[in-house]
PDB file of N, CA and C in Angstrom:
ATOM      1  N   MET A   1      91.247 104.498 132.525  1.00  0.00           N
ATOM      2  CA  MET A   1      90.023 103.854 132.931  1.00  0.00           C
ATOM      3  C   MET A   1      88.861 104.749 132.531  1.00  0.00           C
ATOM      4  N   LYS A   2      87.811 104.114 132.071  1.00  0.00           N
ATOM      5  CA  LYS A   2      86.664 104.851 131.558  1.00  0.00           C
ATOM      6  C   LYS A   2      85.421 104.456 132.357  1.00  0.00           C
ATOM      7  N   TYR A   3      84.559 105.435 132.587  1.00  0.00           N
ATOM      8  CA  TYR A   3      83.262 105.182 133.214  1.00  0.00           C
ATOM      9  C   TYR A   3      82.229 105.130 132.103  1.00  0.00           C
ATOM     10  N   LEU A   4      81.529 104.023 131.995  1.00  0.00           N
ATOM     11  CA  LEU A   4      80.550 103.842 130.929  1.00  0.00           C
ATOM     12  C   LEU A   4      79.141 104.145 131.431  1.00  0.00           C
ATOM     13  N   THR A   5      78.311 104.582 130.489  1.00  0.00           N
ATOM     14  CA  THR A   5      76.925 104.910 130.797  1.00  0.00           C
ATOM     15  C   THR A   5      76.005 104.036 129.951  1.00  0.00           C
ATOM     16  N   ASP A   6      74.714 104.115 130.259  1.00  0.00           N
ATOM     17  CA  ASP A   6      73.733 103.412 129.445  1.00  0.00           C
ATOM     18  C   ASP A   6      73.846 103.831 127.982  1.00  0.00           C
ATOM     19  N   GLY A   7      74.164 105.091 127.753  1.00  0.00           N
ATOM     20  CA  GLY A   7      74.216 105.623 126.403  1.00  0.00           C
ATOM     21  C   GLY A   7      75.429 105.228 125.579  1.00  0.00           C
ATOM     22  N   ASP A   8      76.581 105.003 126.217  1.00  0.00           N
ATOM     23  CA  ASP A   8      77.791 104.719 125.436  1.00  0.00           C
ATOM     24  C   ASP A   8      78.334 103.300 125.625  1.00  0.00           C
ATOM     25  N   PHE A   9      77.682 102.500 126.434  1.00  0.00           N
ATOM     26  CA  PHE A   9      78.195 101.176 126.777  1.00  0.00           C
ATOM     27  C   PHE A   9      78.417 100.299 125.548  1.00  0.00           C
ATOM     28  N   THR A  10      77.384 100.109 124.754  1.00  0.00           N
ATOM     29  CA  THR A  10      77.451  99.176 123.621  1.00  0.00           C
ATOM     30  C   THR A  10      78.542  99.571 122.635  1.00  0.00           C
ATOM     31  N   GLN A  11      78.621 100.838 122.324  1.00  0.00           N
ATOM     32  CA  GLN A  11      79.641 101.293 121.379  1.00  0.00           C
ATOM     33  C   GLN A  11      81.050 101.143 121.958  1.00  0.00           C
ATOM     34  N   ALA A  12      81.203 101.410 123.237  1.00  0.00           N
ATOM     35  CA  ALA A  12      82.528 101.364 123.864  1.00  0.00           C
ATOM     36  C   ALA A  12      83.127  99.962 123.849  1.00  0.00           C
ATOM     37  N   ILE A  13      82.297  98.938 124.014  1.00  0.00           N
ATOM     38  CA  ILE A  13      82.822  97.572 124.088  1.00  0.00           C
ATOM     39  C   ILE A  13      82.753  96.833 122.754  1.00  0.00           C
ATOM     40  N   ALA A  14      82.269  97.484 121.710  1.00  0.00           N
ATOM     41  CA  ALA A  14      81.978  96.816 120.440  1.00  0.00           C
ATOM     42  C   ALA A  14      83.186  96.203 119.747  1.00  0.00           C
ATOM     43  N   SER A  15      84.354  96.796 119.858  1.00  0.00           N
ATOM     44  CA  SER A  15      85.485  96.292 119.068  1.00  0.00           C
ATOM     45  C   SER A  15      86.766  96.163 119.881  1.00  0.00           C
ATOM     46  N   TRP A  16      86.620  95.856 121.133  1.00  0.00           N
ATOM     47  CA  TRP A  16      87.774  95.710 122.023  1.00  0.00           C
ATOM     48  C   TRP A  16      87.604  94.440 122.853  1.00  0.00           C
ATOM     49  N   VAL A  17      88.690  94.033 123.446  1.00  0.00           N
ATOM     50  CA  VAL A  17      88.593  93.209 124.643  1.00  0.00           C
ATOM     51  C   VAL A  17      88.317  94.209 125.750  1.00  0.00           C
ATOM     52  N   SER A  18      87.258  93.977 126.495  1.00  0.00           N
ATOM     53  CA  SER A  18      86.840  94.934 127.520  1.00  0.00           C
ATOM     54  C   SER A  18      86.585  94.224 128.832  1.00  0.00           C
ATOM     55  N   LEU A  19      87.161  94.747 129.899  1.00  0.00           N
ATOM     56  CA  LEU A  19      86.869  94.293 131.249  1.00  0.00           C
ATOM     57  C   LEU A  19      86.038  95.396 131.889  1.00  0.00           C
ATOM     58  N   VAL A  20      84.818  95.047 132.296  1.00  0.00           N
ATOM     59  CA  VAL A  20      83.913  96.041 132.857  1.00  0.00           C
ATOM     60  C   VAL A  20      83.568  95.648 134.288  1.00  0.00           C
ATOM     61  N   ASP A  21      83.860  96.550 135.195  1.00  0.00           N
ATOM     62  CA  ASP A  21      83.585  96.379 136.620  1.00  0.00           C
ATOM     63  C   ASP A  21      82.241  97.031 136.929  1.00  0.00           C
ATOM     64  N   PHE A  22      81.255  96.210 137.283  1.00  0.00           N
ATOM     65  CA  PHE A  22      79.953  96.718 137.718  1.00  0.00           C
ATOM     66  C   PHE A  22      80.022  96.879 139.231  1.00  0.00           C
ATOM     67  N   TYR A  23      79.797  98.098 139.721  1.00  0.00           N
ATOM     68  CA  TYR A  23      80.029  98.406 141.124  1.00  0.00           C
ATOM     69  C   TYR A  23      78.946  99.344 141.655  1.00  0.00           C
ATOM     70  N   ALA A  24      78.982  99.532 142.971  1.00  0.00           N
ATOM     71  CA  ALA A  24      78.176 100.562 143.635  1.00  0.00           C
ATOM     72  C   ALA A  24      79.047 101.181 144.718  1.00  0.00           C
ATOM     73  N   ASP A  25      78.861 102.470 144.959  1.00  0.00           N
ATOM     74  CA  ASP A  25      79.675 103.175 145.949  1.00  0.00           C
ATOM     75  C   ASP A  25      79.531 102.596 147.356  1.00  0.00           C
ATOM     76  N   TRP A  26      78.378 102.058 147.676  1.00  0.00           N
ATOM     77  CA  TRP A  26      78.108 101.544 149.023  1.00  0.00           C
ATOM     78  C   TRP A  26      78.649 100.130 149.256  1.00  0.00           C
ATOM     79  N   CYS A  27      79.162  99.498 148.216  1.00  0.00           N
ATOM     80  CA  CYS A  27      79.617  98.098 148.270  1.00  0.00           C
ATOM     81  C   CYS A  27      81.062  98.027 148.766  1.00  0.00           C
ATOM     82  N   GLY A  28      81.268  97.407 149.939  1.00  0.00           N
ATOM     83  CA  GLY A  28      82.608  97.282 150.519  1.00  0.00           C
ATOM     84  C   GLY A  28      83.599  96.562 149.622  1.00  0.00           C
ATOM     85  N   PRO A  29      83.278  95.353 149.123  1.00  0.00           N
ATOM     86  CA  PRO A  29      84.208  94.670 148.218  1.00  0.00           C
ATOM     87  C   PRO A  29      84.485  95.464 146.937  1.00  0.00           C
ATOM     88  N   CYS A  30      83.503  96.233 146.484  1.00  0.00           N
ATOM     89  CA  CYS A  30      83.710  97.073 145.293  1.00  0.00           C
ATOM     90  C   CYS A  30      84.789  98.119 145.560  1.00  0.00           C
ATOM     91  N   GLN A  31      84.824  98.630 146.780  1.00  0.00           N
ATOM     92  CA  GLN A  31      85.818  99.637 147.136  1.00  0.00           C
ATOM     93  C   GLN A  31      87.221  99.051 147.144  1.00  0.00           C
ATOM     94  N   ILE A  32      87.331  97.782 147.507  1.00  0.00           N
ATOM     95  CA  ILE A  32      88.634  97.107 147.455  1.00  0.00           C
ATOM     96  C   ILE A  32      89.062  96.931 145.996  1.00  0.00           C
ATOM     97  N   LEU A  33      88.135  96.462 145.174  1.00  0.00           N
ATOM     98  CA  LEU A  33      88.431  96.276 143.752  1.00  0.00           C
ATOM     99  C   LEU A  33      88.734  97.610 143.075  1.00  0.00           C
ATOM    100  N   TRP A  34      88.133  98.674 143.580  1.00  0.00           N
ATOM    101  CA  TRP A  34      88.338 100.030 143.050  1.00  0.00           C
ATOM    102  C   TRP A  34      89.833 100.356 142.951  1.00  0.00           C
ATOM    103  N   LYS A  35      90.625  99.877 143.913  1.00  0.00           N
ATOM    104  CA  LYS A  35      92.063 100.165 143.939  1.00  0.00           C
ATOM    105  C   LYS A  35      92.816  99.405 142.849  1.00  0.00           C
ATOM    106  N   LEU A  36      92.304  98.252 142.438  1.00  0.00           N
ATOM    107  CA  LEU A  36      92.974  97.432 141.438  1.00  0.00           C
ATOM    108  C   LEU A  36      92.683  97.892 140.011  1.00  0.00           C
ATOM    109  N   ILE A  37      91.481  98.351 139.766  1.00  0.00           N
ATOM    110  CA  ILE A  37      91.048  98.670 138.407  1.00  0.00           C
ATOM    111  C   ILE A  37      91.957  99.686 137.705  1.00  0.00           C
ATOM    112  N   PRO A  38      92.377 100.788 138.349  1.00  0.00           N
ATOM    113  CA  PRO A  38      93.283 101.710 137.651  1.00  0.00           C
ATOM    114  C   PRO A  38      94.604 101.068 137.234  1.00  0.00           C
ATOM    115  N   HIS A  39      95.101 100.135 138.034  1.00  0.00           N
ATOM    116  CA  HIS A  39      96.341  99.437 137.680  1.00  0.00           C
ATOM    117  C   HIS A  39      96.142  98.574 136.438  1.00  0.00           C
ATOM    118  N   LEU A  40      94.983  97.914 136.359  1.00  0.00           N
ATOM    119  CA  LEU A  40      94.688  97.119 135.166  1.00  0.00           C
ATOM    120  C   LEU A  40      94.559  98.016 133.940  1.00  0.00           C
ATOM    121  N   ALA A  41      93.922  99.161 134.107  1.00  0.00           N
ATOM    122  CA  ALA A  41      93.762 100.097 132.986  1.00  0.00           C
ATOM    123  C   ALA A  41      95.126 100.544 132.461  1.00  0.00           C
ATOM    124  N   GLU A  42      96.031 100.802 133.361  1.00  0.00           N
ATOM    125  CA  GLU A  42      97.377 101.221 132.954  1.00  0.00           C
ATOM    126  C   GLU A  42      98.138 100.070 132.305  1.00  0.00           C
ATOM    127  N   LYS A  43      98.057  98.891 132.903  1.00  0.00           N
ATOM    128  CA  LYS A  43      98.776  97.720 132.389  1.00  0.00           C
ATOM    129  C   LYS A  43      98.328  97.350 130.974  1.00  0.00           C
ATOM    130  N   TYR A  44      97.032  97.465 130.708  1.00  0.00           N
ATOM    131  CA  TYR A  44      96.482  97.032 129.425  1.00  0.00           C
ATOM    132  C   TYR A  44      96.142  98.186 128.492  1.00  0.00           C
ATOM    133  N   GLN A  45      96.678  99.361 128.791  1.00  0.00           N
ATOM    134  CA  GLN A  45      96.437 100.519 127.932  1.00  0.00           C
ATOM    135  C   GLN A  45      96.816 100.180 126.492  1.00  0.00           C
ATOM    136  N   TRP A  46      95.955 100.506 125.558  1.00  0.00           N
ATOM    137  CA  TRP A  46      96.099 100.262 124.124  1.00  0.00           C
ATOM    138  C   TRP A  46      95.904  98.795 123.747  1.00  0.00           C
ATOM    139  N   LYS A  47      95.679  97.915 124.710  1.00  0.00           N
ATOM    140  CA  LYS A  47      95.430  96.503 124.415  1.00  0.00           C
ATOM    141  C   LYS A  47      93.987  96.121 124.711  1.00  0.00           C
ATOM    142  N   ALA A  48      93.445  96.672 125.796  1.00  0.00           N
ATOM    143  CA  ALA A  48      92.089  96.326 126.230  1.00  0.00           C
ATOM    144  C   ALA A  48      91.476  97.535 126.925  1.00  0.00           C
ATOM    145  N   LEU A  49      90.163  97.592 126.876  1.00  0.00           N
ATOM    146  CA  LEU A  49      89.433  98.627 127.588  1.00  0.00           C
ATOM    147  C   LEU A  49      89.147  98.131 128.998  1.00  0.00           C
ATOM    148  N   VAL A  50      89.490  98.916 129.981  1.00  0.00           N
ATOM    149  CA  VAL A  50      89.146  98.630 131.372  1.00  0.00           C
ATOM    150  C   VAL A  50      88.214  99.749 131.811  1.00  0.00           C
ATOM    151  N   ALA A  51      86.999  99.356 132.213  1.00  0.00           N
ATOM    152  CA  ALA A  51      85.981 100.363 132.485  1.00  0.00           C
ATOM    153  C   ALA A  51      85.147  99.984 133.696  1.00  0.00           C
ATOM    154  N   LYS A  52      84.368 100.966 134.166  1.00  0.00           N
ATOM    155  CA  LYS A  52      83.500 100.771 135.317  1.00  0.00           C
ATOM    156  C   LYS A  52      82.089 101.224 134.962  1.00  0.00           C
ATOM    157  N   VAL A  53      81.103 100.572 135.581  1.00  0.00           N
ATOM    158  CA  VAL A  53      79.708 100.958 135.439  1.00  0.00           C
ATOM    159  C   VAL A  53      79.112 101.059 136.838  1.00  0.00           C
ATOM    160  N   ASP A  54      78.577 102.226 137.165  1.00  0.00           N
ATOM    161  CA  ASP A  54      77.906 102.457 138.448  1.00  0.00           C
ATOM    162  C   ASP A  54      76.497 101.877 138.341  1.00  0.00           C
ATOM    163  N   THR A  55      76.248 100.784 139.034  1.00  0.00           N
ATOM    164  CA  THR A  55      74.965 100.080 138.916  1.00  0.00           C
ATOM    165  C   THR A  55      73.798 100.879 139.475  1.00  0.00           C
ATOM    166  N   ASP A  56      74.059 101.823 140.345  1.00  0.00           N
ATOM    167  CA  ASP A  56      72.980 102.658 140.884  1.00  0.00           C
ATOM    168  C   ASP A  56      72.541 103.733 139.898  1.00  0.00           C
ATOM    169  N   LYS A  57      73.404 104.090 138.968  1.00  0.00           N
ATOM    170  CA  LYS A  57      73.094 105.159 138.024  1.00  0.00           C
ATOM    171  C   LYS A  57      72.820 104.655 136.609  1.00  0.00           C
ATOM    172  N   GLN A  58      73.396 103.555 136.234  1.00  0.00           N
ATOM    173  CA  GLN A  58      73.264 103.024 134.872  1.00  0.00           C
ATOM    174  C   GLN A  58      72.348 101.798 134.909  1.00  0.00           C
ATOM    175  N   ILE A  59      71.090 102.050 135.088  1.00  0.00           N
ATOM    176  CA  ILE A  59      70.095 101.005 135.326  1.00  0.00           C
ATOM    177  C   ILE A  59      69.893 100.097 134.106  1.00  0.00           C
ATOM    178  N   LEU A  60      69.869 100.660 132.907  1.00  0.00           N
ATOM    179  CA  LEU A  60      69.588  99.850 131.713  1.00  0.00           C
ATOM    180  C   LEU A  60      70.657  98.794 131.469  1.00  0.00           C
ATOM    181  N   VAL A  61      71.921  99.193 131.545  1.00  0.00           N
ATOM    182  CA  VAL A  61      73.019  98.238 131.345  1.00  0.00           C
ATOM    183  C   VAL A  61      73.024  97.210 132.479  1.00  0.00           C
ATOM    184  N   THR A  62      72.793  97.672 133.691  1.00  0.00           N
ATOM    185  CA  THR A  62      72.762  96.774 134.840  1.00  0.00           C
ATOM    186  C   THR A  62      71.683  95.717 134.663  1.00  0.00           C
ATOM    187  N   GLN A  63      70.515  96.113 134.208  1.00  0.00           N
ATOM    188  CA  GLN A  63      69.420  95.158 133.988  1.00  0.00           C
ATOM    189  C   GLN A  63      69.711  94.250 132.803  1.00  0.00           C
ATOM    190  N   LYS A  64      70.255  94.810 131.730  1.00  0.00           N
ATOM    191  CA  LYS A  64      70.542  94.009 130.535  1.00  0.00           C
ATOM    192  C   LYS A  64      71.461  92.837 130.855  1.00  0.00           C
ATOM    193  N   TYR A  65      72.468  93.076 131.688  1.00  0.00           N
ATOM    194  CA  TYR A  65      73.430  92.023 132.014  1.00  0.00           C
ATOM    195  C   TYR A  65      73.092  91.313 133.320  1.00  0.00           C
ATOM    196  N   GLN A  66      71.902  91.564 133.828  1.00  0.00           N
ATOM    197  CA  GLN A  66      71.371  90.872 135.009  1.00  0.00           C
ATOM    198  C   GLN A  66      72.379  90.840 136.162  1.00  0.00           C
ATOM    199  N   ILE A  67      72.870  92.012 136.504  1.00  0.00           N
ATOM    200  CA  ILE A  67      73.823  92.138 137.597  1.00  0.00           C
ATOM    201  C   ILE A  67      73.058  92.023 138.907  1.00  0.00           C
ATOM    202  N   SER A  68      73.342  90.957 139.657  1.00  0.00           N
ATOM    203  CA  SER A  68      72.629  90.726 140.913  1.00  0.00           C
ATOM    204  C   SER A  68      73.570  90.596 142.106  1.00  0.00           C
ATOM    205  N   ALA A  69      74.857  90.546 141.858  1.00  0.00           N
ATOM    206  CA  ALA A  69      75.853  90.454 142.924  1.00  0.00           C
ATOM    207  C   ALA A  69      76.950  91.463 142.622  1.00  0.00           C
ATOM    208  N   LEU A  70      77.467  92.084 143.663  1.00  0.00           N
ATOM    209  CA  LEU A  70      78.534  93.069 143.492  1.00  0.00           C
ATOM    210  C   LEU A  70      79.747  92.674 144.318  1.00  0.00           C
ATOM    211  N   PRO A  71      80.935  92.943 143.791  1.00  0.00           N
ATOM    212  CA  PRO A  71      81.163  93.393 142.432  1.00  0.00           C
ATOM    213  C   PRO A  71      80.992  92.240 141.435  1.00  0.00           C
ATOM    214  N   THR A  72      80.618  92.595 140.226  1.00  0.00           N
ATOM    215  CA  THR A  72      80.606  91.672 139.098  1.00  0.00           C
ATOM    216  C   THR A  72      81.482  92.299 138.024  1.00  0.00           C
ATOM    217  N   VAL A  73      82.395  91.509 137.518  1.00  0.00           N
ATOM    218  CA  VAL A  73      83.272  91.949 136.432  1.00  0.00           C
ATOM    219  C   VAL A  73      82.957  91.068 135.231  1.00  0.00           C
ATOM    220  N   ILE A  74      82.661  91.711 134.112  1.00  0.00           N
ATOM    221  CA  ILE A  74      82.372  90.964 132.890  1.00  0.00           C
ATOM    222  C   ILE A  74      83.446  91.280 131.861  1.00  0.00           C
ATOM    223  N   LEU A  75      83.925  90.229 131.216  1.00  0.00           N
ATOM    224  CA  LEU A  75      84.893  90.360 130.143  1.00  0.00           C
ATOM    225  C   LEU A  75      84.162  90.186 128.823  1.00  0.00           C
ATOM    226  N   PHE A  76      84.359  91.135 127.933  1.00  0.00           N
ATOM    227  CA  PHE A  76      83.744  91.108 126.615  1.00  0.00           C
ATOM    228  C   PHE A  76      84.830  91.054 125.562  1.00  0.00           C
ATOM    229  N   ARG A  77      84.514  90.411 124.459  1.00  0.00           N
ATOM    230  CA  ARG A  77      85.375  90.474 123.276  1.00  0.00           C
ATOM    231  C   ARG A  77      84.479  90.833 122.112  1.00  0.00           C
ATOM    232  N   ASP A  78      84.750  91.964 121.495  1.00  0.00           N
ATOM    233  CA  ASP A  78      83.944  92.475 120.384  1.00  0.00           C
ATOM    234  C   ASP A  78      82.458  92.537 120.751  1.00  0.00           C
ATOM    235  N   GLY A  79      82.176  92.988 121.971  1.00  0.00           N
ATOM    236  CA  GLY A  79      80.812  93.204 122.411  1.00  0.00           C
ATOM    237  C   GLY A  79      80.087  91.979 122.936  1.00  0.00           C
ATOM    238  N   ILE A  80      80.742  90.838 122.934  1.00  0.00           N
ATOM    239  CA  ILE A  80      80.115  89.590 123.384  1.00  0.00           C
ATOM    240  C   ILE A  80      80.730  89.174 124.718  1.00  0.00           C
ATOM    241  N   GLU A  81      79.864  88.865 125.674  1.00  0.00           N
ATOM    242  CA  GLU A  81      80.344  88.418 126.982  1.00  0.00           C
ATOM    243  C   GLU A  81      81.042  87.071 126.841  1.00  0.00           C
ATOM    244  N   ILE A  82      82.277  86.994 127.371  1.00  0.00           N
ATOM    245  CA  ILE A  82      83.013  85.730 127.305  1.00  0.00           C
ATOM    246  C   ILE A  82      83.350  85.172 128.690  1.00  0.00           C
ATOM    247  N   GLU A  83      83.273  86.019 129.712  1.00  0.00           N
ATOM    248  CA  GLU A  83      83.550  85.536 131.072  1.00  0.00           C
ATOM    249  C   GLU A  83      82.927  86.489 132.069  1.00  0.00           C
ATOM    250  N   ARG A  84      82.473  85.915 133.185  1.00  0.00           N
ATOM    251  CA  ARG A  84      81.884  86.712 134.256  1.00  0.00           C
ATOM    252  C   ARG A  84      82.546  86.293 135.565  1.00  0.00           C
ATOM    253  N   ILE A  85      83.029  87.271 136.296  1.00  0.00           N
ATOM    254  CA  ILE A  85      83.671  87.026 137.588  1.00  0.00           C
ATOM    255  C   ILE A  85      82.823  87.724 138.649  1.00  0.00           C
ATOM    256  N   ARG A  86      82.260  86.934 139.547  1.00  0.00           N
ATOM    257  CA  ARG A  86      81.434  87.506 140.609  1.00  0.00           C
ATOM    258  C   ARG A  86      82.229  87.544 141.905  1.00  0.00           C
ATOM    259  N   TRP A  87      81.836  88.485 142.738  1.00  0.00           N
ATOM    260  CA  TRP A  87      82.457  88.683 144.043  1.00  0.00           C
ATOM    261  C   TRP A  87      83.898  89.140 143.856  1.00  0.00           C
ATOM    262  N   LEU A  88      84.567  89.339 144.909  1.00  0.00           N
ATOM    263  CA  LEU A  88      85.953  89.815 144.882  1.00  0.00           C
ATOM    264  C   LEU A  88      86.894  88.621 144.745  1.00  0.00           C
ATOM    265  N   GLN A  89      87.810  88.703 143.796  1.00  0.00           N
ATOM    266  CA  GLN A  89      88.774  87.640 143.542  1.00  0.00           C
ATOM    267  C   GLN A  89      90.196  88.164 143.751  1.00  0.00           C
ATOM    268  N   GLN A  90      91.152  87.270 143.693  1.00  0.00           N
ATOM    269  CA  GLN A  90      92.550  87.669 143.769  1.00  0.00           C
ATOM    270  C   GLN A  90      92.888  88.535 142.549  1.00  0.00           C
ATOM    271  N   PRO A  91      93.773  89.522 142.698  1.00  0.00           N
ATOM    272  CA  PRO A  91      94.106  90.404 141.570  1.00  0.00           C
ATOM    273  C   PRO A  91      94.537  89.657 140.312  1.00  0.00           C
ATOM    274  N   GLU A  92      95.215  88.543 140.477  1.00  0.00           N
ATOM    275  CA  GLU A  92      95.704  87.786 139.328  1.00  0.00           C
ATOM    276  C   GLU A  92      94.562  87.250 138.465  1.00  0.00           C
ATOM    277  N   ALA A  93      93.404  87.019 139.060  1.00  0.00           N
ATOM    278  CA  ALA A  93      92.265  86.481 138.310  1.00  0.00           C
ATOM    279  C   ALA A  93      91.821  87.445 137.220  1.00  0.00           C
ATOM    280  N   TYR A  94      91.865  88.726 137.494  1.00  0.00           N
ATOM    281  CA  TYR A  94      91.434  89.725 136.518  1.00  0.00           C
ATOM    282  C   TYR A  94      92.443  89.852 135.382  1.00  0.00           C
ATOM    283  N   SER A  95      93.722  89.875 135.728  1.00  0.00           N
ATOM    284  CA  SER A  95      94.765  89.920 134.695  1.00  0.00           C
ATOM    285  C   SER A  95      94.727  88.663 133.835  1.00  0.00           C
ATOM    286  N   ALA A  96      94.539  87.518 134.455  1.00  0.00           N
ATOM    287  CA  ALA A  96      94.483  86.258 133.713  1.00  0.00           C
ATOM    288  C   ALA A  96      93.295  86.243 132.750  1.00  0.00           C
ATOM    289  N   ALA A  97      92.175  86.788 133.166  1.00  0.00           N
ATOM    290  CA  ALA A  97      90.997  86.832 132.300  1.00  0.00           C
ATOM    291  C   ALA A  97      91.250  87.721 131.086  1.00  0.00           C
ATOM    292  N   ILE A  98      91.881  88.874 131.294  1.00  0.00           N
ATOM    293  CA  ILE A  98      92.198  89.757 130.165  1.00  0.00           C
ATOM    294  C   ILE A  98      93.203  89.086 129.239  1.00  0.00           C
ATOM    295  N   ASP A  99      94.244  88.483 129.805  1.00  0.00           N
ATOM    296  CA  ASP A  99      95.250  87.813 128.985  1.00  0.00           C
ATOM    297  C   ASP A  99      94.632  86.707 128.139  1.00  0.00           C
ATOM    298  N   LYS A 100      93.730  85.954 128.737  1.00  0.00           N
ATOM    299  CA  LYS A 100      93.048  84.864 128.023  1.00  0.00           C
ATOM    300  C   LYS A 100      92.219  85.438 126.865  1.00  0.00           C
ATOM    301  N   ALA A 101      91.500  86.503 127.102  1.00  0.00           N
ATOM    302  CA  ALA A 101      90.691  87.115 126.045  1.00  0.00           C
ATOM    303  C   ALA A 101      91.555  87.684 124.933  1.00  0.00           C
ATOM    304  N   LEU A 102      92.672  88.290 125.292  1.00  0.00           N
ATOM    305  CA  LEU A 102      93.581  88.837 124.277  1.00  0.00           C
ATOM    306  C   LEU A 102      94.187  87.718 123.421  1.00  0.00           C
ATOM    307  N   ALA A 103      94.445  86.559 124.024  1.00  0.00           N
ATOM    308  CA  ALA A 103      95.021  85.435 123.303  1.00  0.00           C
ATOM    309  C   ALA A 103      94.052  84.853 122.278  1.00  0.00           C
ATOM    310  N   LEU A 104      92.761  85.064 122.459  1.00  0.00           N
ATOM    311  CA  LEU A 104      91.740  84.556 121.547  1.00  0.00           C
ATOM    312  C   LEU A 104      91.655  85.359 120.266  1.00  0.00           C
ATOM    313  N   GLN A 105      92.238  86.531 120.252  1.00  0.00           N
ATOM    314  CA  GLN A 105      92.119  87.387 119.065  1.00  0.00           C
ATOM    315  C   GLN A 105      92.964  86.878 117.928  1.00  0.00           C
TER     316      GLN A 105
END
Protein backbone atom coordinates (compact mmCIF):
# COMPACT_ATOMS: atom_id res chain seq x y z
CA MET A 1 0.00 0.00 0.00
CA LYS A 2 1.27 3.42 -0.93
CA TYR A 3 0.55 6.85 0.52
CA LEU A 4 0.23 9.41 -2.26
CA THR A 5 0.97 13.11 -2.07
CA ASP A 6 0.05 16.15 -4.12
CA GLY A 7 3.45 15.83 -5.77
CA ASP A 8 3.36 12.17 -6.86
CA PHE A 9 -0.37 11.48 -7.29
CA THR A 10 -0.72 12.01 -11.04
CA GLN A 11 2.35 9.98 -11.94
CA ALA A 12 1.46 7.14 -9.56
CA ILE A 13 -1.97 6.52 -11.10
CA ALA A 14 -1.00 7.25 -14.72
CA SER A 15 -0.57 3.70 -16.00
CA TRP A 16 -2.29 1.40 -13.53
CA VAL A 17 -5.66 0.40 -12.32
CA SER A 18 -5.60 2.33 -9.07
CA LEU A 19 -7.89 2.28 -6.06
CA VAL A 20 -7.31 5.40 -3.98
CA ASP A 21 -8.78 5.80 -0.51
CA PHE A 22 -9.25 9.46 0.44
CA TYR A 23 -9.33 9.57 4.24
CA ALA A 24 -8.73 11.64 7.36
CA ASP A 25 -7.39 10.40 10.69
CA TRP A 26 -10.37 11.85 12.58
CA CYS A 27 -12.95 10.04 10.41
CA GLY A 28 -14.50 7.01 12.17
CA PRO A 29 -15.62 5.16 9.01
CA CYS A 30 -12.18 5.84 7.50
CA GLN A 31 -10.62 3.98 10.43
CA ILE A 32 -12.79 0.96 9.68
CA LEU A 33 -11.82 1.05 6.01
CA TRP A 34 -8.19 1.46 7.12
CA LYS A 35 -8.22 -2.23 8.15
CA LEU A 36 -9.40 -3.40 4.72
CA ILE A 37 -7.04 -1.41 2.51
CA PRO A 38 -3.85 -3.38 3.36
CA HIS A 39 -5.65 -6.63 2.49
CA LEU A 40 -6.65 -5.21 -0.89
CA ALA A 41 -3.07 -4.05 -1.49
CA GLU A 42 -1.80 -7.56 -0.82
CA LYS A 43 -4.53 -9.26 -2.86
CA TYR A 44 -3.93 -7.07 -5.92
CA GLN A 45 -0.16 -6.74 -5.64
CA TRP A 46 1.35 -6.47 -9.15
CA LYS A 47 -2.15 -6.13 -10.66
CA ALA A 48 -3.39 -2.79 -9.30
CA LEU A 49 -2.18 0.07 -7.17
CA VAL A 50 -3.95 0.40 -3.83
CA ALA A 51 -3.17 3.72 -2.21
CA LYS A 52 -4.30 6.26 0.36
CA VAL A 53 -4.47 10.05 0.36
CA ASP A 54 -4.67 12.01 3.63
CA THR A 55 -7.20 14.74 2.80
CA ASP A 56 -5.98 16.96 5.63
CA LYS A 57 -2.43 17.04 4.25
CA GLN A 58 -2.85 16.64 0.49
CA ILE A 59 -5.07 19.63 -0.20
CA LEU A 60 -4.45 19.99 -3.96
CA VAL A 61 -5.45 16.43 -4.86
CA THR A 62 -8.39 16.59 -2.45
CA GLN A 63 -9.66 19.77 -4.12
CA LYS A 64 -8.99 18.51 -7.65
CA TYR A 65 -11.22 15.48 -7.11
CA GLN A 66 -13.78 17.47 -5.09
CA ILE A 67 -13.68 15.16 -2.09
CA SER A 68 -16.55 16.27 0.13
CA ALA A 69 -17.49 13.05 1.95
CA LEU A 70 -15.25 10.62 3.80
CA PRO A 71 -14.28 8.02 3.14
CA THR A 72 -14.30 8.38 -0.63
CA VAL A 73 -12.62 5.72 -2.73
CA ILE A 74 -11.92 6.49 -6.37
CA LEU A 75 -10.99 3.89 -8.95
CA PHE A 76 -8.78 5.06 -11.79
CA ARG A 77 -7.67 3.35 -14.96
CA ASP A 78 -4.67 4.91 -16.67
CA GLY A 79 -5.19 8.12 -14.70
CA ILE A 80 -8.88 8.51 -15.54
CA GLU A 81 -11.57 8.22 -12.88
CA ILE A 82 -13.90 5.33 -13.70
CA GLU A 83 -15.78 4.82 -10.42
CA ARG A 84 -16.34 6.62 -7.15
CA ILE A 85 -17.48 4.91 -3.96
CA ARG A 86 -18.62 7.21 -1.17
CA TRP A 87 -19.10 6.33 2.46
CA LEU A 88 -18.23 2.96 3.91
CA GLN A 89 -19.33 -0.06 1.86
CA GLN A 90 -19.13 -3.81 2.26
CA PRO A 91 -15.59 -5.15 1.66
CA GLU A 92 -16.74 -6.99 -1.46
CA ALA A 93 -17.67 -3.69 -3.13
CA TYR A 94 -14.04 -2.60 -3.27
CA SER A 95 -12.78 -5.92 -4.62
CA ALA A 96 -15.58 -5.98 -7.20
CA ALA A 97 -14.67 -2.47 -8.36
CA ILE A 98 -11.01 -3.43 -8.84
CA ASP A 99 -11.95 -6.66 -10.63
CA LYS A 100 -14.27 -4.73 -12.95
CA ALA A 101 -11.54 -2.21 -13.79
CA LEU A 102 -8.99 -4.96 -14.41
CA ALA A 103 -11.44 -6.70 -16.77
CA LEU A 104 -11.63 -3.53 -18.90
CA GLN A 105 -7.96 -3.69 -19.77
